Amino acid sequence: MTTYQNRAFANENIVVDGNRYVACSFRSVGLIYKGGDLPSFEGCTFQGMTLQLGGSALSTVRYLSGLHQGGIVAPVEATLKRIEAGPPSPEAARRYNPEYTGTNWGTLGFASLILVGVTLLLLLAFHYGLQVAPRTQFLNANPPRPLAAQIPLELMPALPDELAVAYDELRASQLQMVTSYGWIDEAQGVVHIPVDAAIDQLLAADGFPVAGE
């Protein structure tokens, strides 16, 4: 912010965004505001002054004018009335309802107690539902049932005694499938051929793939 003190401005246009004027005089000048930081005038005198808008400030005026011409009259006029009235005085700003400002400590404390009580009730409900009730149900059963039990081995899926042998046989059959010719379904005419031969046939038919296709 630039401060001007005891300056006399005459017959010129001045961009006032963000400036502070103290005990200055303005005669036949145009004050230009472009929507930046608000200027400050302290103890200044004005004679033959004009106001001009530019930048975002002018865009705001054009926006309100377009709304007004488009039929949105009441909101625009209400906005202009608020501008004409100016900011509220410090006395008006201090008139408030303490219920909505956070300074009503009694109401705030009561609400906090309710919140804490509800939280405790939820914790107790979870503790009873997840620990106390299941434990009581199992231990009071006739006969009592354990809380945890091992799965009998006979219910476990049977595995080959020699996993290495089974793995080697499976791998050999898969390798034979992808490296040799043979029938898959002779009735349907379905065969299998080596992977290398299949690739060669695809390249011979379609050629090498081209980037971007």
C-alpha atoms as a PDB file:
ATOM      1  CA  MET A   1       0.000   0.000   0.000  1.00  0.00           C
ATOM      2  CA  THR A   2       1.365   3.399  -1.029  1.00  0.00           C
ATOM      3  CA  THR A   3       0.648   6.314   1.333  1.00  0.00           C
ATOM      4  CA  TYR A   4       0.217   9.873   0.024  1.00  0.00           C
ATOM      5  CA  GLN A   5       0.132  12.644   2.612  1.00  0.00           C
ATOM      6  CA  ASN A   6      -0.549  16.360   2.106  1.00  0.00           C
ATOM      7  CA  ARG A   7      -0.542  15.970  -1.677  1.00  0.00           C
ATOM      8  CA  ALA A   8      -2.548  18.084  -4.100  1.00  0.00           C
ATOM      9  CA  PHE A   9      -3.921  16.260  -7.131  1.00  0.00           C
ATOM     10  CA  ALA A  10      -5.428  18.277  -9.995  1.00  0.00           C
ATOM     11  CA  ASN A  11      -6.538  17.681 -13.595  1.00  0.00           C
ATOM     12  CA  GLU A  12      -5.466  14.048 -13.821  1.00  0.00           C
ATOM     13  CA  ASN A  13      -6.753  10.505 -13.587  1.00  0.00           C
ATOM     14  CA  ILE A  14      -5.527   8.462 -10.619  1.00  0.00           C
ATOM     15  CA  VAL A  15      -5.684   4.696 -10.081  1.00  0.00           C
ATOM     16  CA  VAL A  16      -6.445   4.441  -6.387  1.00  0.00           C
ATOM     17  CA  ASP A  17      -6.361   0.634  -5.836  1.00  0.00           C
ATOM     18  CA  GLY A  18      -4.593  -0.201  -2.575  1.00  0.00           C
ATOM     19  CA  ASN A  19      -3.435   3.397  -1.880  1.00  0.00           C
ATOM     20  CA  ARG A  20      -3.799   5.456   1.310  1.00  0.00           C
ATOM     21  CA  TYR A  21      -4.429   9.191   1.069  1.00  0.00           C
ATOM     22  CA  VAL A  22      -3.991  11.368   4.172  1.00  0.00           C
ATOM     23  CA  ALA A  23      -4.957  15.083   4.164  1.00  0.00           C
ATOM     24  CA  CYS A  24      -4.801  15.251   0.354  1.00  0.00           C
ATOM     25  CA  SER A  25      -6.812  17.511  -1.952  1.00  0.00           C
ATOM     26  CA  PHE A  26      -8.415  16.412  -5.212  1.00  0.00           C
ATOM     27  CA  ARG A  27      -9.536  18.972  -7.786  1.00  0.00           C
ATOM     28  CA  SER A  28     -10.936  18.043 -11.203  1.00  0.00           C
ATOM     29  CA  VAL A  29      -9.546  14.538 -10.993  1.00  0.00           C
ATOM     30  CA  GLY A  30     -10.879  11.155 -12.013  1.00  0.00           C
ATOM     31  CA  LEU A  31     -10.550   8.438  -9.391  1.00  0.00           C
ATOM     32  CA  ILE A  32     -10.156   5.071 -11.128  1.00  0.00           C
ATOM     33  CA  TYR A  33     -10.844   1.886  -9.172  1.00  0.00           C
ATOM     34  CA  LYS A  34     -10.061  -1.450 -10.868  1.00  0.00           C
ATOM     35  CA  GLY A  35     -11.296  -3.911  -8.251  1.00  0.00           C
ATOM     36  CA  GLY A  36      -8.071  -4.379  -6.277  1.00  0.00           C
ATOM     37  CA  ASP A  37      -7.457  -3.600  -2.603  1.00  0.00           C
ATOM     38  CA  LEU A  38      -9.733  -0.861  -1.296  1.00  0.00           C
ATOM     39  CA  PRO A  39      -8.183   2.626  -1.080  1.00  0.00           C
ATOM     40  CA  SER A  40      -8.289   4.729   2.064  1.00  0.00           C
ATOM     41  CA  PHE A  41      -9.061   8.480   2.246  1.00  0.00           C
ATOM     42  CA  GLU A  42      -8.386  10.247   5.569  1.00  0.00           C
ATOM     43  CA  GLY A  43      -9.114  13.957   5.966  1.00  0.00           C
ATOM     44  CA  CYS A  44      -9.116  14.608   2.215  1.00  0.00           C
ATOM     45  CA  THR A  45     -11.020  17.273   0.252  1.00  0.00           C
ATOM     46  CA  PHE A  46     -12.671  16.770  -3.141  1.00  0.00           C
ATOM     47  CA  GLN A  47     -13.734  19.306  -5.786  1.00  0.00           C
ATOM     48  CA  GLY A  48     -14.962  18.466  -9.268  1.00  0.00           C
ATOM     49  CA  MET A  49     -14.230  14.767  -8.848  1.00  0.00           C
ATOM     50  CA  THR A  50     -15.393  11.957 -11.150  1.00  0.00           C
ATOM     51  CA  LEU A  51     -15.460   8.239 -10.474  1.00  0.00           C
ATOM     52  CA  GLN A  52     -14.309   5.701 -13.044  1.00  0.00           C
ATOM     53  CA  LEU A  53     -14.265   1.923 -12.923  1.00  0.00           C
ATOM     54  CA  GLY A  54     -11.970  -0.509 -14.687  1.00  0.00           C
ATOM     55  CA  GLY A  55     -10.842  -4.126 -14.542  1.00  0.00           C
ATOM     56  CA  SER A  56     -12.878  -6.445 -12.359  1.00  0.00           C
ATOM     57  CA  ALA A  57     -14.804  -3.528 -10.834  1.00  0.00           C
ATOM     58  CA  LEU A  58     -16.141  -2.583 -14.267  1.00  0.00           C
ATOM     59  CA  SER A  59     -16.932  -6.254 -14.944  1.00  0.00           C
ATOM     60  CA  THR A  60     -19.007  -6.343 -11.762  1.00  0.00           C
ATOM     61  CA  VAL A  61     -21.037  -3.328 -12.874  1.00  0.00           C
ATOM     62  CA  ARG A  62     -21.591  -4.852 -16.300  1.00  0.00           C
ATOM     63  CA  TYR A  63     -22.683  -8.092 -14.656  1.00  0.00           C
ATOM     64  CA  LEU A  64     -25.266  -6.344 -12.460  1.00  0.00           C
ATOM     65  CA  SER A  65     -26.446  -4.262 -15.417  1.00  0.00           C
ATOM     66  CA  GLY A  66     -26.913  -7.377 -17.542  1.00  0.00           C
ATOM     67  CA  LEU A  67     -28.925  -9.066 -14.800  1.00  0.00           C
ATOM     68  CA  HIS A  68     -31.105  -5.997 -14.387  1.00  0.00           C
ATOM     69  CA  GLN A  69     -31.766  -5.747 -18.123  1.00  0.00           C
ATOM     70  CA  GLY A  70     -32.498  -9.474 -18.209  1.00  0.00           C
ATOM     71  CA  GLY A  71     -35.380  -9.073 -15.771  1.00  0.00           C
ATOM     72  CA  ILE A  72     -33.630  -9.943 -12.506  1.00  0.00           C
ATOM     73  CA  VAL A  73     -34.558  -6.598 -11.007  1.00  0.00           C
ATOM     74  CA  ALA A  74     -35.273  -7.190  -7.311  1.00  0.00           C
ATOM     75  CA  PRO A  75     -31.970  -8.921  -6.379  1.00  0.00           C
ATOM     76  CA  VAL A  76     -29.930  -6.296  -8.234  1.00  0.00           C
ATOM     77  CA  GLU A  77     -31.770  -3.412  -6.561  1.00  0.00           C
ATOM     78  CA  ALA A  78     -31.387  -5.080  -3.161  1.00  0.00           C
ATOM     79  CA  THR A  79     -27.637  -5.341  -3.797  1.00  0.00           C
ATOM     80  CA  LEU A  80     -27.452  -1.665  -4.755  1.00  0.00           C
ATOM     81  CA  LYS A  81     -29.368  -0.699  -1.602  1.00  0.00           C
ATOM     82  CA  ARG A  82     -26.886  -2.623   0.526  1.00  0.00           C
ATOM     83  CA  ILE A  83     -24.066  -0.820  -1.261  1.00  0.00           C
ATOM     84  CA  GLU A  84     -25.790   2.530  -0.642  1.00  0.00           C
ATOM     85  CA  ALA A  85     -26.294   1.729   3.039  1.00  0.00           C
ATOM     86  CA  GLY A  86     -22.599   0.950   3.486  1.00  0.00           C
ATOM     87  CA  PRO A  87     -21.044  -1.484   5.960  1.00  0.00           C
ATOM     88  CA  PRO A  88     -22.754  -1.918   9.345  1.00  0.00           C
ATOM     89  CA  SER A  89     -21.618   0.285  12.185  1.00  0.00           C
ATOM     90  CA  PRO A  90     -19.542  -1.215  15.001  1.00  0.00           C
ATOM     91  CA  GLU A  91     -22.541  -0.887  17.321  1.00  0.00           C
ATOM     92  CA  ALA A  92     -24.746  -2.871  14.936  1.00  0.00           C
ATOM     93  CA  ALA A  93     -22.051  -5.499  14.531  1.00  0.00           C
ATOM     94  CA  ARG A  94     -21.966  -5.995  18.290  1.00  0.00           C
ATOM     95  CA  ARG A  95     -25.712  -6.704  18.462  1.00  0.00           C
ATOM     96  CA  TYR A  96     -25.899 -10.460  18.316  1.00  0.00           C
ATOM     97  CA  ASN A  97     -27.673 -13.405  19.828  1.00  0.00           C
ATOM     98  CA  PRO A  98     -25.145 -15.223  22.048  1.00  0.00           C
ATOM     99  CA  GLU A  99     -26.958 -18.493  21.337  1.00  0.00           C
ATOM    100  CA  TYR A 100     -25.447 -18.507  17.848  1.00  0.00           C
ATOM    101  CA  THR A 101     -21.954 -17.210  18.594  1.00  0.00           C
ATOM    102  CA  GLY A 102     -20.479 -19.983  20.734  1.00  0.00           C
ATOM    103  CA  THR A 103     -20.385 -17.820  23.890  1.00  0.00           C
ATOM    104  CA  ASN A 104     -23.375 -19.497  25.510  1.00  0.00           C
ATOM    105  CA  TRP A 105     -21.241 -21.871  27.528  1.00  0.00           C
ATOM    106  CA  GLY A 106     -24.205 -23.422  29.333  1.00  0.00           C
ATOM    107  CA  THR A 107     -25.823 -24.637  26.128  1.00  0.00           C
ATOM    108  CA  LEU A 108     -22.463 -25.745  24.755  1.00  0.00           C
ATOM    109  CA  GLY A 109     -21.667 -27.719  27.920  1.00  0.00           C
ATOM    110  CA  PHE A 110     -25.088 -29.388  27.938  1.00  0.00           C
ATOM    111  CA  ALA A 111     -24.696 -30.405  24.286  1.00  0.00           C
ATOM    112  CA  SER A 112     -21.223 -31.794  25.062  1.00  0.00           C
ATOM    113  CA  LEU A 113     -22.590 -33.891  27.931  1.00  0.00           C
ATOM    114  CA  ILE A 114     -25.284 -35.332  25.661  1.00  0.00           C
ATOM    115  CA  LEU A 115     -22.668 -36.186  23.038  1.00  0.00           C
ATOM    116  CA  VAL A 116     -20.435 -37.880  25.602  1.00  0.00           C
ATOM    117  CA  GLY A 117     -23.394 -39.839  27.001  1.00  0.00           C
ATOM    118  CA  VAL A 118     -24.456 -41.067  23.563  1.00  0.00           C
ATOM    119  CA  THR A 119     -20.856 -42.112  22.810  1.00  0.00           C
ATOM    120  CA  LEU A 120     -20.610 -44.104  26.045  1.00  0.00           C
ATOM    121  CA  LEU A 121     -23.911 -45.844  25.356  1.00  0.00           C
ATOM    122  CA  LEU A 122     -22.723 -46.849  21.893  1.00  0.00           C
ATOM    123  CA  LEU A 123     -19.449 -48.201  23.287  1.00  0.00           C
ATOM    124  CA  LEU A 124     -21.322 -50.235  25.912  1.00  0.00           C
ATOM    125  CA  ALA A 125     -23.681 -51.601  23.268  1.00  0.00           C
ATOM    126  CA  PHE A 126     -20.789 -52.668  21.042  1.00  0.00           C
ATOM    127  CA  HIS A 127     -18.986 -54.271  24.001  1.00  0.00           C
ATOM    128  CA  TYR A 128     -22.060 -56.244  25.013  1.00  0.00           C
ATOM    129  CA  GLY A 129     -22.996 -57.253  21.489  1.00  0.00           C
ATOM    130  CA  LEU A 130     -19.525 -58.294  20.388  1.00  0.00           C
ATOM    131  CA  GLN A 131     -18.058 -59.804  23.576  1.00  0.00           C
ATOM    132  CA  VAL A 132     -20.405 -60.308  26.514  1.00  0.00           C
ATOM    133  CA  ALA A 133     -23.432 -61.740  24.699  1.00  0.00           C
ATOM    134  CA  PRO A 134     -21.526 -64.258  22.506  1.00  0.00           C
ATOM    135  CA  ARG A 135     -19.375 -65.423  25.410  1.00  0.00           C
ATOM    136  CA  THR A 136     -22.416 -65.905  27.665  1.00  0.00           C
ATOM    137  CA  GLN A 137     -24.326 -67.753  24.938  1.00  0.00           C
ATOM    138  CA  PHE A 138     -21.522 -70.242  24.354  1.00  0.00           C
ATOM    139  CA  LEU A 139     -20.569 -70.819  28.003  1.00  0.00           C
ATOM    140  CA  ASN A 140     -24.174 -71.162  29.229  1.00  0.00           C
ATOM    141  CA  ALA A 141     -25.100 -73.664  26.531  1.00  0.00           C
ATOM    142  CA  ASN A 142     -25.990 -77.206  27.576  1.00  0.00           C
ATOM    143  CA  PRO A 143     -23.463 -78.681  27.182  1.00  0.00           C
ATOM    144  CA  PRO A 144     -21.127 -75.681  27.129  1.00  0.00           C
ATOM    145  CA  ARG A 145     -19.564 -75.003  23.745  1.00  0.00           C
ATOM    146  CA  PRO A 146     -16.013 -73.702  23.316  1.00  0.00           C
ATOM    147  CA  LEU A 147     -15.497 -70.223  21.981  1.00  0.00           C
ATOM    148  CA  ALA A 148     -13.132 -71.600  19.345  1.00  0.00           C
ATOM    149  CA  ALA A 149     -12.783 -75.055  17.840  1.00  0.00           C
ATOM    150  CA  GLN A 150     -10.356 -76.738  15.499  1.00  0.00           C
ATOM    151  CA  ILE A 151     -11.577 -78.047  12.165  1.00  0.00           C
ATOM    152  CA  PRO A 152     -11.233 -81.856  12.043  1.00  0.00           C
ATOM    153  CA  LEU A 153      -8.530 -83.036   9.708  1.00  0.00           C
ATOM    154  CA  GLU A 154     -10.948 -85.320   7.874  1.00  0.00           C
ATOM    155  CA  LEU A 155     -12.863 -82.237   6.736  1.00  0.00           C
ATOM    156  CA  MET A 156      -9.769 -80.674   5.214  1.00  0.00           C
ATOM    157  CA  PRO A 157      -9.347 -81.169   1.433  1.00  0.00           C
ATOM    158  CA  ALA A 158      -7.093 -84.069   0.564  1.00  0.00           C
ATOM    159  CA  LEU A 159      -3.775 -83.191  -1.064  1.00  0.00           C
ATOM    160  CA  PRO A 160      -1.521 -85.483  -3.135  1.00  0.00           C
ATOM    161  CA  ASP A 161       1.216 -87.193  -1.190  1.00  0.00           C
ATOM    162  CA  GLU A 162       3.811 -86.100  -3.711  1.00  0.00           C
ATOM    163  CA  LEU A 163       3.091 -82.519  -4.713  1.00  0.00           C
ATOM    164  CA  ALA A 164       6.313 -82.310  -6.710  1.00  0.00           C
ATOM    165  CA  VAL A 165       5.304 -85.299  -8.845  1.00  0.00           C
ATOM    166  CA  ALA A 166       1.843 -83.860  -9.486  1.00  0.00           C
ATOM    167  CA  TYR A 167       3.342 -80.487 -10.398  1.00  0.00           C
ATOM    168  CA  ASP A 168       5.831 -82.041 -12.827  1.00  0.00           C
ATOM    169  CA  GLU A 169       3.100 -84.062 -14.529  1.00  0.00           C
ATOM    170  CA  LEU A 170       0.873 -80.998 -14.892  1.00  0.00           C
ATOM    171  CA  ARG A 171       3.728 -78.896 -16.295  1.00  0.00           C
ATOM    172  CA  ALA A 172       4.721 -81.613 -18.751  1.00  0.00           C
ATOM    173  CA  SER A 173       1.161 -81.941 -20.062  1.00  0.00           C
ATOM    174  CA  GLN A 174       0.890 -78.163 -20.512  1.00  0.00           C
ATOM    175  CA  LEU A 175       4.232 -77.963 -22.337  1.00  0.00           C
ATOM    176  CA  GLN A 176       3.157 -80.775 -24.642  1.00  0.00           C
ATOM    177  CA  MET A 177      -0.053 -78.910 -25.405  1.00  0.00           C
ATOM    178  CA  VAL A 178       1.717 -75.671 -26.471  1.00  0.00           C
ATOM    179  CA  THR A 179       4.632 -77.295 -28.352  1.00  0.00           C
ATOM    180  CA  SER A 180       3.010 -80.059 -30.390  1.00  0.00           C
ATOM    181  CA  TYR A 181       0.218 -80.836 -32.829  1.00  0.00           C
ATOM    182  CA  GLY A 182      -2.793 -82.859 -31.736  1.00  0.00           C
ATOM    183  CA  TRP A 183      -6.529 -83.211 -31.487  1.00  0.00           C
ATOM    184  CA  ILE A 184      -8.534 -81.407 -28.813  1.00  0.00           C
ATOM    185  CA  ASP A 185     -11.939 -82.512 -30.150  1.00  0.00           C
ATOM    186  CA  GLU A 186     -11.649 -84.653 -33.273  1.00  0.00           C
ATOM    187  CA  ALA A 187     -15.433 -84.772 -33.748  1.00  0.00           C
ATOM    188  CA  GLN A 188     -15.632 -80.974 -33.834  1.00  0.00           C
ATOM    189  CA  GLY A 189     -12.411 -80.602 -35.786  1.00  0.00           C
ATOM    190  CA  VAL A 190     -10.609 -78.713 -32.996  1.00  0.00           C
ATOM    191  CA  VAL A 191      -6.830 -79.143 -32.837  1.00  0.00           C
ATOM    192  CA  HIS A 192      -3.942 -77.610 -30.997  1.00  0.00           C
ATOM    193  CA  ILE A 193      -0.745 -76.423 -32.659  1.00  0.00           C
ATOM    194  CA  PRO A 194       2.534 -75.086 -31.253  1.00  0.00           C
ATOM    195  CA  VAL A 195       2.524 -71.466 -30.168  1.00  0.00           C
ATOM    196  CA  ASP A 196       5.454 -70.604 -32.464  1.00  0.00           C
ATOM    197  CA  ALA A 197       3.621 -72.009 -35.485  1.00  0.00           C
ATOM    198  CA  ALA A 198       0.486 -70.055 -34.602  1.00  0.00           C
ATOM    199  CA  ILE A 199       2.490 -66.825 -34.377  1.00  0.00           C
ATOM    200  CA  ASP A 200       4.174 -67.497 -37.722  1.00  0.00           C
ATOM    201  CA  GLN A 201       0.783 -68.045 -39.368  1.00  0.00           C
ATOM    202  CA  LEU A 202      -0.602 -64.811 -37.914  1.00  0.00           C
ATOM    203  CA  LEU A 203       2.434 -62.837 -39.123  1.00  0.00           C
ATOM    204  CA  ALA A 204       2.222 -64.412 -42.565  1.00  0.00           C
ATOM    205  CA  ALA A 205      -1.464 -63.488 -42.828  1.00  0.00           C
ATOM    206  CA  ASP A 206      -1.511 -60.020 -41.290  1.00  0.00           C
ATOM    207  CA  GLY A 207       2.133 -58.898 -41.251  1.00  0.00           C
ATOM    208  CA  PHE A 208       3.839 -57.190 -38.357  1.00  0.00           C
ATOM    209  CA  PRO A 209       1.673 -54.827 -36.305  1.00  0.00           C
ATOM    210  CA  VAL A 210       2.127 -51.112 -37.009  1.00  0.00           C
ATOM    211  CA  ALA A 211       2.339 -48.619 -34.141  1.00  0.00           C
ATOM    212  CA  GLY A 212      -0.841 -46.591 -33.732  1.00  0.00           C
ATOM    213  CA  GLU A 213      -3.157 -49.184 -35.332  1.00  0.00           C
END
